């Protein structure tokens, strides 16, 4: 539901025209980005975030860099 709301809001900015954007193929990364952002907002540290996702801290750090969410952690 949250992703649907975000898509709706984003679509309004471009007058509901997602033409030539590979939305269907982009879904897995979009979903992973959303889960990663939720994890960052819900956890106090990178270690807690990694634990929440069931991955080790090195992989969590790689994901933060890959999805450009590392800057959202300001206490670690």
N, C-alpha and C. Protein backbone atom coordinates (compact mmCIF):
# COMPACT_ATOMS: atom_id res chain seq x y z
N UNK A 1 0.82 -1.19 0.00
CA UNK A 1 0.00 0.00 0.00
C UNK A 1 0.86 1.26 0.00
N UNK A 2 1.94 1.23 0.77
CA UNK A 2 2.80 2.40 0.85
C UNK A 2 3.45 2.67 -0.51
N UNK A 3 3.88 1.63 -1.18
CA UNK A 3 4.49 1.82 -2.49
C UNK A 3 3.46 2.37 -3.48
N UNK A 4 2.24 1.90 -3.39
CA UNK A 4 1.18 2.40 -4.27
C UNK A 4 0.95 3.89 -4.03
N UNK A 5 0.94 4.29 -2.77
CA UNK A 5 0.75 5.71 -2.45
C UNK A 5 1.92 6.54 -2.98
N UNK A 6 3.13 6.03 -2.79
CA UNK A 6 4.30 6.76 -3.29
C UNK A 6 4.27 6.88 -4.81
N UNK A 7 3.85 5.82 -5.50
CA UNK A 7 3.75 5.88 -6.96
C UNK A 7 2.70 6.90 -7.38
N UNK A 8 1.57 6.91 -6.65
CA UNK A 8 0.53 7.88 -6.96
C UNK A 8 1.03 9.30 -6.83
N UNK A 9 1.71 9.58 -5.73
CA UNK A 9 2.25 10.92 -5.50
C UNK A 9 3.30 11.28 -6.53
N UNK A 10 4.15 10.33 -6.86
CA UNK A 10 5.19 10.58 -7.87
C UNK A 10 4.56 10.82 -9.24
N UNK A 11 3.56 10.06 -9.55
CA UNK A 11 2.90 10.18 -10.86
C UNK A 11 2.24 11.55 -11.03
N UNK A 12 1.73 12.11 -9.94
CA UNK A 12 1.11 13.43 -10.04
C UNK A 12 2.11 14.48 -10.51
N UNK A 13 3.36 14.33 -10.09
CA UNK A 13 4.38 15.30 -10.48
C UNK A 13 4.67 15.27 -11.98
N UNK A 14 4.44 14.12 -12.59
CA UNK A 14 4.71 13.99 -14.03
C UNK A 14 3.41 13.80 -14.82
N UNK A 15 2.32 14.27 -14.26
CA UNK A 15 1.00 14.23 -14.90
C UNK A 15 0.57 12.81 -15.28
N UNK A 16 0.86 11.87 -14.38
CA UNK A 16 0.45 10.47 -14.52
C UNK A 16 1.00 9.77 -15.76
N UNK A 17 2.14 10.20 -16.22
CA UNK A 17 2.72 9.60 -17.43
C UNK A 17 4.05 8.93 -17.11
N UNK A 18 4.00 7.64 -16.90
CA UNK A 18 5.19 6.85 -16.66
C UNK A 18 5.70 6.23 -17.96
N UNK A 19 5.31 6.79 -19.09
CA UNK A 19 5.71 6.24 -20.38
C UNK A 19 7.23 6.20 -20.51
N UNK A 20 7.69 5.14 -21.11
CA UNK A 20 9.12 4.91 -21.35
C UNK A 20 9.94 4.72 -20.08
N UNK A 21 9.28 4.51 -18.97
CA UNK A 21 9.99 4.15 -17.74
C UNK A 21 9.69 2.68 -17.47
N UNK A 22 10.72 1.84 -17.35
CA UNK A 22 10.49 0.40 -17.19
C UNK A 22 10.01 0.05 -15.77
N UNK A 23 8.82 0.50 -15.44
CA UNK A 23 8.30 0.34 -14.08
C UNK A 23 8.24 -1.12 -13.65
N UNK A 24 7.75 -1.97 -14.51
CA UNK A 24 7.62 -3.38 -14.14
C UNK A 24 8.97 -4.01 -13.84
N UNK A 25 9.96 -3.73 -14.66
CA UNK A 25 11.29 -4.29 -14.45
C UNK A 25 11.99 -3.65 -13.26
N UNK A 26 11.59 -2.46 -12.88
CA UNK A 26 12.22 -1.74 -11.76
C UNK A 26 11.61 -2.12 -10.41
N UNK A 27 10.55 -2.90 -10.40
CA UNK A 27 9.86 -3.21 -9.14
C UNK A 27 10.73 -3.87 -8.08
N UNK A 28 11.49 -4.91 -8.40
CA UNK A 28 12.31 -5.49 -7.32
C UNK A 28 13.25 -4.48 -6.66
N UNK A 29 14.00 -3.66 -7.40
CA UNK A 29 14.85 -2.68 -6.72
C UNK A 29 14.05 -1.63 -5.95
N UNK A 30 12.89 -1.24 -6.47
CA UNK A 30 12.06 -0.26 -5.78
C UNK A 30 11.59 -0.84 -4.45
N UNK A 31 11.18 -2.10 -4.46
CA UNK A 31 10.73 -2.74 -3.22
C UNK A 31 11.88 -2.89 -2.22
N UNK A 32 13.04 -3.28 -2.71
CA UNK A 32 14.20 -3.43 -1.83
C UNK A 32 14.58 -2.08 -1.23
N UNK A 33 14.53 -1.03 -2.03
CA UNK A 33 14.83 0.30 -1.53
C UNK A 33 13.84 0.70 -0.45
N UNK A 34 12.56 0.41 -0.65
CA UNK A 34 11.54 0.75 0.34
C UNK A 34 11.78 0.00 1.66
N UNK A 35 12.09 -1.28 1.57
CA UNK A 35 12.35 -2.07 2.78
C UNK A 35 13.61 -1.56 3.49
N UNK A 36 14.62 -1.22 2.73
CA UNK A 36 15.86 -0.71 3.31
C UNK A 36 15.61 0.63 4.01
N UNK A 37 14.84 1.51 3.39
CA UNK A 37 14.53 2.80 4.01
C UNK A 37 13.71 2.61 5.28
N UNK A 38 12.77 1.67 5.26
CA UNK A 38 12.01 1.39 6.48
C UNK A 38 12.94 0.90 7.58
N UNK A 39 13.83 0.01 7.24
CA UNK A 39 14.78 -0.53 8.22
C UNK A 39 15.61 0.57 8.83
N UNK A 40 16.09 1.48 7.99
CA UNK A 40 16.91 2.60 8.49
C UNK A 40 16.09 3.45 9.46
N UNK A 41 14.83 3.70 9.13
CA UNK A 41 14.00 4.55 9.99
C UNK A 41 13.59 3.85 11.28
N UNK A 42 13.53 2.52 11.25
CA UNK A 42 13.04 1.78 12.42
C UNK A 42 14.14 1.33 13.37
N UNK A 43 15.39 1.40 12.94
CA UNK A 43 16.49 0.87 13.75
C UNK A 43 17.39 1.99 14.25
N UNK A 44 18.01 1.74 15.39
CA UNK A 44 18.90 2.72 16.01
C UNK A 44 20.33 2.65 15.48
N UNK A 45 20.72 1.51 14.93
CA UNK A 45 22.09 1.35 14.47
C UNK A 45 22.13 0.46 13.22
N UNK A 46 23.26 0.49 12.56
CA UNK A 46 23.44 -0.36 11.39
C UNK A 46 23.39 -1.83 11.78
N UNK A 47 23.94 -2.14 12.94
CA UNK A 47 23.93 -3.53 13.40
C UNK A 47 22.49 -4.02 13.61
N UNK A 48 21.65 -3.17 14.20
CA UNK A 48 20.24 -3.54 14.37
C UNK A 48 19.54 -3.70 13.02
N UNK A 49 19.87 -2.81 12.08
CA UNK A 49 19.28 -2.91 10.74
C UNK A 49 19.66 -4.21 10.05
N UNK A 50 20.93 -4.57 10.16
CA UNK A 50 21.38 -5.83 9.56
C UNK A 50 20.66 -7.01 10.21
N UNK A 51 20.54 -6.95 11.50
CA UNK A 51 19.84 -8.03 12.22
C UNK A 51 18.38 -8.13 11.78
N UNK A 52 17.74 -6.97 11.61
CA UNK A 52 16.33 -6.95 11.20
C UNK A 52 16.15 -7.61 9.83
N UNK A 53 17.10 -7.38 8.93
CA UNK A 53 17.00 -7.96 7.59
C UNK A 53 17.55 -9.38 7.49
N UNK A 54 18.20 -9.83 8.56
CA UNK A 54 18.75 -11.18 8.55
C UNK A 54 20.01 -11.30 7.72
N UNK A 55 20.79 -10.22 7.65
CA UNK A 55 22.03 -10.24 6.89
C UNK A 55 23.17 -9.76 7.80
N UNK A 56 24.41 -9.97 7.35
CA UNK A 56 25.52 -9.50 8.18
C UNK A 56 25.77 -8.01 7.93
N UNK A 57 26.52 -7.41 8.83
CA UNK A 57 26.74 -5.96 8.80
C UNK A 57 27.47 -5.51 7.54
N UNK A 58 28.37 -6.32 7.00
CA UNK A 58 29.08 -5.95 5.77
C UNK A 58 28.12 -5.86 4.58
N UNK A 59 27.23 -6.83 4.50
CA UNK A 59 26.26 -6.80 3.41
C UNK A 59 25.31 -5.61 3.57
N UNK A 60 24.93 -5.32 4.81
CA UNK A 60 24.06 -4.17 5.08
C UNK A 60 24.75 -2.87 4.64
N UNK A 61 26.02 -2.73 4.97
CA UNK A 61 26.78 -1.55 4.54
C UNK A 61 26.82 -1.44 3.01
N UNK A 62 27.02 -2.56 2.33
CA UNK A 62 27.03 -2.55 0.86
C UNK A 62 25.68 -2.09 0.31
N UNK A 63 24.60 -2.57 0.93
CA UNK A 63 23.26 -2.18 0.48
C UNK A 63 23.02 -0.69 0.70
N UNK A 64 23.46 -0.19 1.84
CA UNK A 64 23.29 1.24 2.11
C UNK A 64 23.99 2.09 1.06
N UNK A 65 25.18 1.67 0.66
CA UNK A 65 25.92 2.40 -0.37
C UNK A 65 25.25 2.24 -1.73
N UNK A 66 24.84 1.03 -2.04
CA UNK A 66 24.24 0.75 -3.35
C UNK A 66 22.94 1.54 -3.56
N UNK A 67 22.11 1.60 -2.52
CA UNK A 67 20.83 2.29 -2.63
C UNK A 67 20.90 3.74 -2.15
N UNK A 68 22.12 4.22 -1.89
CA UNK A 68 22.36 5.61 -1.50
C UNK A 68 21.55 6.01 -0.27
N UNK A 69 21.49 5.12 0.70
CA UNK A 69 20.75 5.41 1.93
C UNK A 69 21.69 5.53 3.13
N UNK A 70 22.97 5.44 2.88
CA UNK A 70 23.95 5.50 3.97
C UNK A 70 23.84 6.82 4.74
N UNK A 71 23.54 7.90 4.05
CA UNK A 71 23.46 9.21 4.69
C UNK A 71 22.29 9.32 5.66
N UNK A 72 21.32 8.39 5.59
CA UNK A 72 20.17 8.45 6.49
C UNK A 72 20.54 8.04 7.91
N UNK A 73 21.64 7.32 8.07
CA UNK A 73 22.13 6.97 9.40
C UNK A 73 23.06 8.08 9.84
N UNK A 74 22.70 8.80 10.86
CA UNK A 74 23.60 9.85 11.32
C UNK A 74 24.15 9.58 12.71
N UNK A 75 23.84 8.42 13.25
CA UNK A 75 24.38 8.08 14.57
C UNK A 75 25.36 6.93 14.52
N UNK A 76 25.70 6.46 13.33
CA UNK A 76 26.62 5.32 13.18
C UNK A 76 27.75 5.63 12.24
